[in-house]
C-alpha atoms as a PDB file:
ATOM      1  CA  GLU A   1       0.000   0.000   0.000  1.00  0.00           C
ATOM      2  CA  VAL A   2       2.811   2.414   0.876  1.00  0.00           C
ATOM      3  CA  VAL A   3       4.642   1.701  -2.379  1.00  0.00           C
ATOM      4  CA  GLY A   4       1.438   2.182  -4.352  1.00  0.00           C
ATOM      5  CA  ALA A   5       0.812   5.545  -2.682  1.00  0.00           C
ATOM      6  CA  ALA A   6       4.351   6.705  -3.494  1.00  0.00           C
ATOM      7  CA  GLU A   7       3.945   5.445  -7.059  1.00  0.00           C
ATOM      8  CA  THR A   8       0.748   7.450  -7.479  1.00  0.00           C
ATOM      9  CA  GLU A   9       2.447  10.627  -6.262  1.00  0.00           C
ATOM     10  CA  ILE A  10       5.417  10.060  -8.588  1.00  0.00           C
ATOM     11  CA  LEU A  11       3.144   9.556 -11.593  1.00  0.00           C
ATOM     12  CA  GLU A  12       1.096  12.646 -10.726  1.00  0.00           C
ATOM     13  CA  ASN A  13       4.274  14.762 -10.536  1.00  0.00           C
ATOM     14  CA  ARG A  14       5.572  13.280 -13.778  1.00  0.00           C
ATOM     15  CA  GLU A  15       3.376  15.501 -15.945  1.00  0.00           C
ATOM     16  CA  ASP A  16       4.817  18.654 -14.358  1.00  0.00           C
ATOM     17  CA  ASN A  17       8.364  17.282 -14.553  1.00  0.00           C
ATOM     18  CA  GLU A  18       7.988  16.454 -18.248  1.00  0.00           C
ATOM     19  CA  ALA A  19       6.625  19.944 -18.993  1.00  0.00           C
ATOM     20  CA  ALA A  20       9.584  21.548 -17.206  1.00  0.00           C
ATOM     21  CA  TYR A  21      12.032  19.288 -19.063  1.00  0.00           C
ATOM     22  CA  THR A  22      10.431  20.097 -22.427  1.00  0.00           C
ATOM     23  CA  LYS A  23      10.817  23.810 -21.716  1.00  0.00           C
ATOM     24  CA  LYS A  24      14.502  23.354 -20.804  1.00  0.00           C
ATOM     25  CA  LYS A  25      15.146  21.112 -23.797  1.00  0.00           C
ATOM     26  CA  ARG A  26      13.727  23.712 -26.164  1.00  0.00           C
ATOM     27  CA  LYS A  27      16.119  26.304 -24.723  1.00  0.00           C
ATOM     28  CA  TRP A  28      19.088  23.936 -25.054  1.00  0.00           C
ATOM     29  CA  ASP A  29      18.163  22.950 -28.606  1.00  0.00           C
ATOM     30  CA  LYS A  30      17.767  26.599 -29.625  1.00  0.00           C
ATOM     31  CA  ARG A  31      21.108  27.470 -28.032  1.00  0.00           C
ATOM     32  CA  ASP A  32      22.830  24.529 -29.764  1.00  0.00           C
ATOM     33  CA  GLY A  33      21.227  25.185 -33.153  1.00  0.00           C
ATOM     34  CA  LYS A  34      19.296  21.909 -33.197  1.00  0.00           C
ATOM     35  CA  ALA A  35      15.988  21.407 -34.954  1.00  0.00           C
ATOM     36  CA  GLU A  36      12.877  22.262 -32.979  1.00  0.00           C
ATOM     37  CA  GLY A  37      10.939  19.396 -31.440  1.00  0.00           C
ATOM     38  CA  PRO A  38       7.181  19.055 -31.490  1.00  0.00           C
ATOM     39  CA  SER A  39       5.163  22.219 -30.874  1.00  0.00           C
ATOM     40  CA  ASP A  40       2.855  22.634 -27.888  1.00  0.00           C
ATOM     41  CA  LYS A  41      -0.087  21.999 -30.226  1.00  0.00           C
ATOM     42  CA  GLU A  42       1.457  18.737 -31.474  1.00  0.00           C
ATOM     43  CA  LEU A  43       2.225  17.638 -27.911  1.00  0.00           C
ATOM     44  CA  LYS A  44      -1.362  18.394 -26.904  1.00  0.00           C
ATOM     45  CA  GLU A  45      -2.689  16.374 -29.861  1.00  0.00           C
ATOM     46  CA  MET A  46      -0.453  13.418 -28.937  1.00  0.00           C
ATOM     47  CA  GLU A  47      -1.634  13.635 -25.320  1.00  0.00           C
ATOM     48  CA  GLU A  48      -5.285  13.727 -26.406  1.00  0.00           C
ATOM     49  CA  SER A  49      -4.746  10.694 -28.635  1.00  0.00           C
ATOM     50  CA  LYS A  50      -3.178   8.713 -25.774  1.00  0.00           C
ATOM     51  CA  HIS A  51      -5.961   9.797 -23.436  1.00  0.00           C
ATOM     52  CA  ASN A  52      -8.646   8.788 -25.949  1.00  0.00           C
ATOM     53  CA  ASP A  53      -7.036   5.343 -26.385  1.00  0.00           C
ATOM     54  CA  TYR A  54      -7.061   4.840 -22.631  1.00  0.00           C
ATOM     55  CA  MET A  55     -10.620   6.066 -22.238  1.00  0.00           C
ATOM     56  CA  SER A  56     -11.756   3.759 -25.051  1.00  0.00           C
ATOM     57  CA  MET A  57     -10.267   0.803 -23.180  1.00  0.00           C
ATOM     58  CA  MET A  58     -11.929   1.955 -19.954  1.00  0.00           C
ATOM     59  CA  ASP A  59     -15.273   2.419 -21.733  1.00  0.00           C
ATOM     60  CA  ASP A  60     -15.050  -1.216 -22.870  1.00  0.00           C
ATOM     61  CA  ILE A  61     -14.539  -2.294 -19.249  1.00  0.00           C
ATOM     62  CA  VAL A  62     -17.460  -0.170 -18.051  1.00  0.00           C
ATOM     63  CA  ALA A  63     -19.650  -1.658 -20.807  1.00  0.00           C
ATOM     64  CA  LYS A  64     -18.774  -5.172 -19.601  1.00  0.00           C
ATOM     65  CA  GLN A  65     -19.737  -4.145 -16.070  1.00  0.00           C
ATOM     66  CA  ALA A  66     -23.031  -2.676 -17.320  1.00  0.00           C
ATOM     67  CA  ASN A  67     -23.800  -6.000 -19.008  1.00  0.00           C
ATOM     68  CA  GLY A  68     -23.671  -7.663 -15.603  1.00  0.00           C
ATOM     69  CA  ASP A  69     -20.153  -9.084 -15.840  1.00  0.00           C
ATOM     70  CA  THR A  70     -18.314  -9.159 -12.546  1.00  0.00           C
ATOM     71  CA  ILE A  71     -15.138  -7.172 -13.031  1.00  0.00           C
ATOM     72  CA  GLU A  72     -12.315  -7.329 -10.518  1.00  0.00           C
ATOM     73  CA  PHE A  73      -9.720  -4.567 -10.575  1.00  0.00           C
ATOM     74  CA  VAL A  74      -6.090  -4.838  -9.558  1.00  0.00           C
ATOM     75  CA  ASP A  75      -5.473  -3.796  -5.971  1.00  0.00           C
ATOM     76  CA  GLY A  76      -4.104  -0.286  -5.613  1.00  0.00           C
ATOM     77  CA  TRP A  77      -6.079   1.103  -8.558  1.00  0.00           C
ATOM     78  CA  LYS A  78      -9.006   3.416  -7.967  1.00  0.00           C
ATOM     79  CA  PRO A  79     -11.360   4.524 -10.717  1.00  0.00           C
ATOM     80  CA  VAL A  80     -11.514   8.216 -11.500  1.00  0.00           C
ATOM     81  CA  THR A  81     -14.736   9.578 -10.075  1.00  0.00           C
ATOM     82  CA  GLU A  82     -14.413  13.340 -10.508  1.00  0.00           C
ATOM     83  CA  ALA A  83     -14.757  15.119 -13.838  1.00  0.00           C
ATOM     84  CA  GLY A  84     -11.449  16.445 -15.086  1.00  0.00           C
ATOM     85  CA  GLN A  85      -9.449  14.172 -12.786  1.00  0.00           C
ATOM     86  CA  LYS A  86      -6.727  12.096 -14.467  1.00  0.00           C
ATOM     87  CA  ASP A  87      -5.947   8.432 -13.914  1.00  0.00           C
ATOM     88  CA  PHE A  88      -2.159   8.724 -13.944  1.00  0.00           C
ATOM     89  CA  LYS A  89      -1.456   5.204 -12.707  1.00  0.00           C
ATOM     90  CA  GLY A  90      -3.906   3.515 -15.072  1.00  0.00           C
ATOM     91  CA  ARG A  91      -2.629   5.499 -18.050  1.00  0.00           C
ATOM     92  CA  TYR A  92       1.006   4.749 -17.222  1.00  0.00           C
ATOM     93  CA  TYR A  93       0.499   0.982 -17.126  1.00  0.00           C
ATOM     94  CA  PHE A  94      -1.714   1.091 -20.226  1.00  0.00           C
ATOM     95  CA  GLU A  95       0.705   3.161 -22.323  1.00  0.00           C
ATOM     96  CA  LYS A  96       3.984   1.563 -21.237  1.00  0.00           C
ATOM     97  CA  LEU A  97       2.990  -2.070 -20.679  1.00  0.00           C
ATOM     98  CA  HIS A  98      -0.434  -2.370 -22.328  1.00  0.00           C
ATOM     99  CA  PHE A  99      -1.986  -3.458 -18.999  1.00  0.00           C
ATOM    100  CA  SER A 100      -5.523  -2.537 -18.068  1.00  0.00           C
ATOM    101  CA  PRO A 101      -6.758  -2.284 -14.459  1.00  0.00           C
ATOM    102  CA  ILE A 102      -8.402  -5.714 -14.868  1.00  0.00           C
ATOM    103  CA  ASP A 103      -5.206  -7.516 -15.960  1.00  0.00           C
ATOM    104  CA  ILE A 104      -4.611  -8.718 -12.421  1.00  0.00           C
ATOM    105  CA  GLN A 105      -2.275 -11.594 -13.277  1.00  0.00           C
ATOM    106  CA  LYS A 106      -0.075  -9.364 -15.447  1.00  0.00           C
ATOM    107  CA  HIS A 107       0.228  -6.846 -12.608  1.00  0.00           C
ATOM    108  CA  HIS A 108       1.089  -9.603 -10.116  1.00  0.00           C
ATOM    109  CA  ASP A 109       3.686 -11.071 -12.489  1.00  0.00           C
ATOM    110  CA  LEU A 110       5.252  -7.621 -12.885  1.00  0.00           C
ATOM    111  CA  ARG A 111       5.428  -7.167  -9.119  1.00  0.00           C
ATOM    112  CA  LYS A 112       7.000 -10.593  -8.697  1.00  0.00           C
ATOM    113  CA  ALA A 113       9.620  -9.868 -11.382  1.00  0.00           C
ATOM    114  CA  TYR A 114      10.382  -6.509  -9.738  1.00  0.00           C
ATOM    115  CA  ILE A 115      10.985  -8.168  -6.361  1.00  0.00           C
ATOM    116  CA  GLU A 116      13.147 -10.834  -8.025  1.00  0.00           C
ATOM    117  CA  GLY A 117      15.172  -8.035  -9.625  1.00  0.00           C
ATOM    118  CA  LEU A 118      15.708  -6.346  -6.265  1.00  0.00           C
ATOM    119  CA  ILE A 119      16.796  -9.655  -4.735  1.00  0.00           C
ATOM    120  CA  TRP A 120      19.161 -10.328  -7.639  1.00  0.00           C
ATOM    121  CA  CYS A 121      20.773  -6.879  -7.269  1.00  0.00           C
ATOM    122  CA  LEU A 122      21.200  -7.230  -3.517  1.00  0.00           C
ATOM    123  CA  ALA A 123      22.637 -10.736  -3.891  1.00  0.00           C
ATOM    124  CA  TYR A 124      24.986  -9.553  -6.643  1.00  0.00           C
ATOM    125  CA  TYR A 125      26.510  -6.880  -4.426  1.00  0.00           C
ATOM    126  CA  TYR A 126      26.561  -8.886  -1.197  1.00  0.00           C
ATOM    127  CA  LYS A 127      27.258 -12.464  -2.387  1.00  0.00           C
ATOM    128  CA  GLY A 128      28.352 -12.188  -5.998  1.00  0.00           C
ATOM    129  CA  CYS A 129      26.421 -13.126  -9.094  1.00  0.00           C
ATOM    130  CA  ILE A 130      23.780 -15.705  -8.221  1.00  0.00           C
ATOM    131  CA  SER A 131      22.727 -16.263 -11.825  1.00  0.00           C
ATOM    132  CA  TRP A 132      24.191 -15.027 -15.087  1.00  0.00           C
ATOM    133  CA  GLY A 133      21.103 -16.303 -16.886  1.00  0.00           C
ATOM    134  CA  TRP A 134      18.523 -14.256 -14.962  1.00  0.00           C
ATOM    135  CA  TYR A 135      17.078 -11.199 -16.659  1.00  0.00           C
ATOM    136  CA  TYR A 136      14.247  -8.814 -15.954  1.00  0.00           C
ATOM    137  CA  PRO A 137      11.359 -10.001 -18.145  1.00  0.00           C
END
């Protein structure tokens, strides 16, 4: 629960961090004579497209629920209930890993692999390499 709360805060702050980085990058590129990146309008269009893809997936889930299907969501995810509120965590997993909030097994497998990765790193530095064949899936 604590990790999930920290993750939510990180993902919420990510939007502001990316906007600040884009502003800095534009200054650096201008200073260095590099080509301009996407305009604010293009960035907004890309964001709207990603948001629409996510909302389409969520609409499909809501439609299944309306048809009487029992839908179980992954623990730690809360549906957006207020207008204008963003689902940062849901969008992140959907865009980066193509997971929806109902892909419970995929989320659990990801968590397990993450913990295995932490264990591997700790073992590597404290005991030496425990497996040259292990990799993060």
